[in-house]
Amino acid sequence: MRRDVFQAIADPVRRDIIQLLAERTLTVNSVAEKFDVSRPAISKHLKILQECGLVTIHKQGRERYCQIRPKSLIPAFLWVDQYKKLWEDKLDSFEDYLMQLQTRLPDREAQKPKR
């Protein structure tokens, strides 16, 4: 089965594994200890991440070490980045709306009859 970066990041557990490995290289057992799922389930997630090219696993002695390949995340970053301008425009528009509400609020307070 052909796998890609989008399939890798589609699962929240795999995203969490990516986050862990972004901080440092870990053994398979160290990764598994961080989750409340079985070790075989973590191994399956790591295999998918490896097939997607996001993680390399190399053996050193008895241990298997997992290391992130951050360049493999570039396609996902580029896809999300194309929507950055759209969201910035929407957030700017929302901020303008909030500013308008704030400037109108003192006018309304002044118009209220005092008791």
C-alpha atoms as a PDB file:
ATOM      1  CA  MET A   1       0.000   0.000   0.000  1.00  0.00           C
ATOM      2  CA  ARG A   2       1.304   3.460  -0.937  1.00  0.00           C
ATOM      3  CA  ARG A   3       1.432   5.772   2.078  1.00  0.00           C
ATOM      4  CA  ASP A   4       2.050   9.509   2.292  1.00  0.00           C
ATOM      5  CA  VAL A   5       2.595  12.211   4.891  1.00  0.00           C
ATOM      6  CA  PHE A   6      -1.123  13.043   5.047  1.00  0.00           C
ATOM      7  CA  GLN A   7      -1.970   9.479   6.007  1.00  0.00           C
ATOM      8  CA  ALA A   8       0.733   9.651   8.663  1.00  0.00           C
ATOM      9  CA  ILE A   9      -0.602  12.803  10.310  1.00  0.00           C
ATOM     10  CA  ALA A  10      -4.260  11.779  10.027  1.00  0.00           C
ATOM     11  CA  ASP A  11      -4.108   9.821  13.289  1.00  0.00           C
ATOM     12  CA  PRO A  12      -3.762  11.678  16.618  1.00  0.00           C
ATOM     13  CA  VAL A  13      -1.507   9.007  18.126  1.00  0.00           C
ATOM     14  CA  ARG A  14       0.883   9.310  15.188  1.00  0.00           C
ATOM     15  CA  ARG A  15       0.864  13.102  15.530  1.00  0.00           C
ATOM     16  CA  ASP A  16       1.780  12.669  19.197  1.00  0.00           C
ATOM     17  CA  ILE A  17       4.580  10.260  18.263  1.00  0.00           C
ATOM     18  CA  ILE A  18       5.898  12.801  15.749  1.00  0.00           C
ATOM     19  CA  GLN A  19       5.852  15.448  18.482  1.00  0.00           C
ATOM     20  CA  LEU A  20       7.792  13.187  20.858  1.00  0.00           C
ATOM     21  CA  LEU A  21      10.385  12.332  18.249  1.00  0.00           C
ATOM     22  CA  ALA A  22      10.737  15.986  17.269  1.00  0.00           C
ATOM     23  CA  GLU A  23      12.143  16.550  20.752  1.00  0.00           C
ATOM     24  CA  ARG A  24      14.624  13.662  20.703  1.00  0.00           C
ATOM     25  CA  THR A  25      15.418  10.199  19.356  1.00  0.00           C
ATOM     26  CA  LEU A  26      13.719   7.478  21.401  1.00  0.00           C
ATOM     27  CA  THR A  27      13.672   3.708  21.520  1.00  0.00           C
ATOM     28  CA  VAL A  28      10.499   1.911  20.471  1.00  0.00           C
ATOM     29  CA  ASN A  29       9.939   0.959  24.111  1.00  0.00           C
ATOM     30  CA  SER A  30      10.376   4.577  25.255  1.00  0.00           C
ATOM     31  CA  VAL A  31       7.792   5.697  22.723  1.00  0.00           C
ATOM     32  CA  ALA A  32       5.374   2.961  23.799  1.00  0.00           C
ATOM     33  CA  GLU A  33       5.719   3.923  27.471  1.00  0.00           C
ATOM     34  CA  LYS A  34       4.284   7.363  26.709  1.00  0.00           C
ATOM     35  CA  PHE A  35       0.923   5.991  25.543  1.00  0.00           C
ATOM     36  CA  ASP A  36      -2.007   4.101  27.026  1.00  0.00           C
ATOM     37  CA  VAL A  37      -2.184   1.720  24.084  1.00  0.00           C
ATOM     38  CA  SER A  38      -0.484  -1.612  23.571  1.00  0.00           C
ATOM     39  CA  ARG A  39       3.113  -1.916  22.448  1.00  0.00           C
ATOM     40  CA  PRO A  40       2.018  -3.741  19.246  1.00  0.00           C
ATOM     41  CA  ALA A  41      -0.310  -0.815  18.444  1.00  0.00           C
ATOM     42  CA  ILE A  42       2.573   1.655  18.852  1.00  0.00           C
ATOM     43  CA  SER A  43       4.763  -0.582  16.685  1.00  0.00           C
ATOM     44  CA  LYS A  44       2.080  -0.483  13.990  1.00  0.00           C
ATOM     45  CA  HIS A  45       1.920   3.325  14.182  1.00  0.00           C
ATOM     46  CA  LEU A  46       5.709   3.516  13.948  1.00  0.00           C
ATOM     47  CA  LYS A  47       5.666   1.198  10.941  1.00  0.00           C
ATOM     48  CA  ILE A  48       3.185   3.487   9.188  1.00  0.00           C
ATOM     49  CA  LEU A  49       5.322   6.527  10.033  1.00  0.00           C
ATOM     50  CA  GLN A  50       8.341   4.686   8.650  1.00  0.00           C
ATOM     51  CA  GLU A  51       6.488   3.712   5.456  1.00  0.00           C
ATOM     52  CA  CYS A  52       5.458   7.358   5.031  1.00  0.00           C
ATOM     53  CA  GLY A  53       9.087   8.415   5.345  1.00  0.00           C
ATOM     54  CA  LEU A  54       8.574  10.449   8.525  1.00  0.00           C
ATOM     55  CA  VAL A  55      10.545   8.178  10.830  1.00  0.00           C
ATOM     56  CA  THR A  56      13.624   6.039  10.481  1.00  0.00           C
ATOM     57  CA  ILE A  57      14.187   3.106  12.798  1.00  0.00           C
ATOM     58  CA  HIS A  58      17.697   1.810  13.246  1.00  0.00           C
ATOM     59  CA  LYS A  59      18.975  -0.977  15.439  1.00  0.00           C
ATOM     60  CA  GLN A  60      21.797  -0.407  17.869  1.00  0.00           C
ATOM     61  CA  GLY A  61      22.616  -3.427  19.967  1.00  0.00           C
ATOM     62  CA  ARG A  62      19.334  -4.809  21.271  1.00  0.00           C
ATOM     63  CA  GLU A  63      17.464  -1.530  20.972  1.00  0.00           C
ATOM     64  CA  ARG A  64      15.571  -0.076  18.029  1.00  0.00           C
ATOM     65  CA  TYR A  65      15.830   3.724  17.873  1.00  0.00           C
ATOM     66  CA  CYS A  66      13.246   5.950  16.220  1.00  0.00           C
ATOM     67  CA  GLN A  67      14.297   9.224  14.675  1.00  0.00           C
ATOM     68  CA  ILE A  68      12.160  11.818  12.930  1.00  0.00           C
ATOM     69  CA  ARG A  69      12.820  12.937   9.362  1.00  0.00           C
ATOM     70  CA  PRO A  70      11.395  16.485   9.555  1.00  0.00           C
ATOM     71  CA  LYS A  71      11.911  17.247   5.857  1.00  0.00           C
ATOM     72  CA  SER A  72       9.241  14.665   5.118  1.00  0.00           C
ATOM     73  CA  LEU A  73       6.667  16.990   6.709  1.00  0.00           C
ATOM     74  CA  ILE A  74       7.263  19.661   4.048  1.00  0.00           C
ATOM     75  CA  PRO A  75       4.380  18.537   1.767  1.00  0.00           C
ATOM     76  CA  ALA A  76       1.911  18.851   4.656  1.00  0.00           C
ATOM     77  CA  PHE A  77       3.357  22.221   5.647  1.00  0.00           C
ATOM     78  CA  LEU A  78       3.071  23.533   2.088  1.00  0.00           C
ATOM     79  CA  TRP A  79      -0.506  22.324   1.790  1.00  0.00           C
ATOM     80  CA  VAL A  80      -1.533  24.029   5.050  1.00  0.00           C
ATOM     81  CA  ASP A  81       0.485  27.149   4.252  1.00  0.00           C
ATOM     82  CA  GLN A  82      -1.570  27.839   1.138  1.00  0.00           C
ATOM     83  CA  TYR A  83      -4.518  28.576   3.431  1.00  0.00           C
ATOM     84  CA  LYS A  84      -2.540  30.903   5.710  1.00  0.00           C
ATOM     85  CA  LYS A  85      -3.544  34.072   3.844  1.00  0.00           C
ATOM     86  CA  LEU A  86      -7.203  33.053   3.888  1.00  0.00           C
ATOM     87  CA  TRP A  87      -7.175  32.580   7.672  1.00  0.00           C
ATOM     88  CA  GLU A  88      -5.140  35.722   8.285  1.00  0.00           C
ATOM     89  CA  ASP A  89      -7.708  37.725   6.292  1.00  0.00           C
ATOM     90  CA  LYS A  90     -10.585  36.170   8.229  1.00  0.00           C
ATOM     91  CA  LEU A  91      -8.912  36.815  11.580  1.00  0.00           C
ATOM     92  CA  ASP A  92      -8.104  40.415  10.586  1.00  0.00           C
ATOM     93  CA  SER A  93     -11.724  40.923   9.589  1.00  0.00           C
ATOM     94  CA  PHE A  94     -12.901  39.484  12.903  1.00  0.00           C
ATOM     95  CA  GLU A  95     -10.495  41.726  14.795  1.00  0.00           C
ATOM     96  CA  ASP A  96     -11.851  44.770  12.915  1.00  0.00           C
ATOM     97  CA  TYR A  97     -15.394  43.730  13.828  1.00  0.00           C
ATOM     98  CA  LEU A  98     -14.464  43.424  17.503  1.00  0.00           C
ATOM     99  CA  MET A  99     -12.830  46.857  17.431  1.00  0.00           C
ATOM    100  CA  GLN A 100     -16.005  48.336  15.954  1.00  0.00           C
ATOM    101  CA  LEU A 101     -18.065  46.750  18.718  1.00  0.00           C
ATOM    102  CA  GLN A 102     -15.726  48.129  21.364  1.00  0.00           C
ATOM    103  CA  THR A 103     -15.949  51.650  19.990  1.00  0.00           C
ATOM    104  CA  ARG A 104     -19.747  51.457  19.866  1.00  0.00           C
ATOM    105  CA  LEU A 105     -20.051  50.128  23.398  1.00  0.00           C
ATOM    106  CA  PRO A 106     -19.071  53.404  25.145  1.00  0.00           C
ATOM    107  CA  ASP A 107     -21.635  55.281  22.989  1.00  0.00           C
ATOM    108  CA  ARG A 108     -24.384  52.891  24.074  1.00  0.00           C
ATOM    109  CA  GLU A 109     -23.368  53.149  27.711  1.00  0.00           C
ATOM    110  CA  ALA A 110     -23.595  56.946  27.525  1.00  0.00           C
ATOM    111  CA  GLN A 111     -27.090  56.756  25.995  1.00  0.00           C
ATOM    112  CA  LYS A 112     -28.516  54.601  28.804  1.00  0.00           C
ATOM    113  CA  PRO A 113     -30.647  56.527  31.259  1.00  0.00           C
ATOM    114  CA  LYS A 114     -29.115  56.841  34.703  1.00  0.00           C
ATOM    115  CA  ARG A 115     -31.077  55.591  37.652  1.00  0.00           C
END
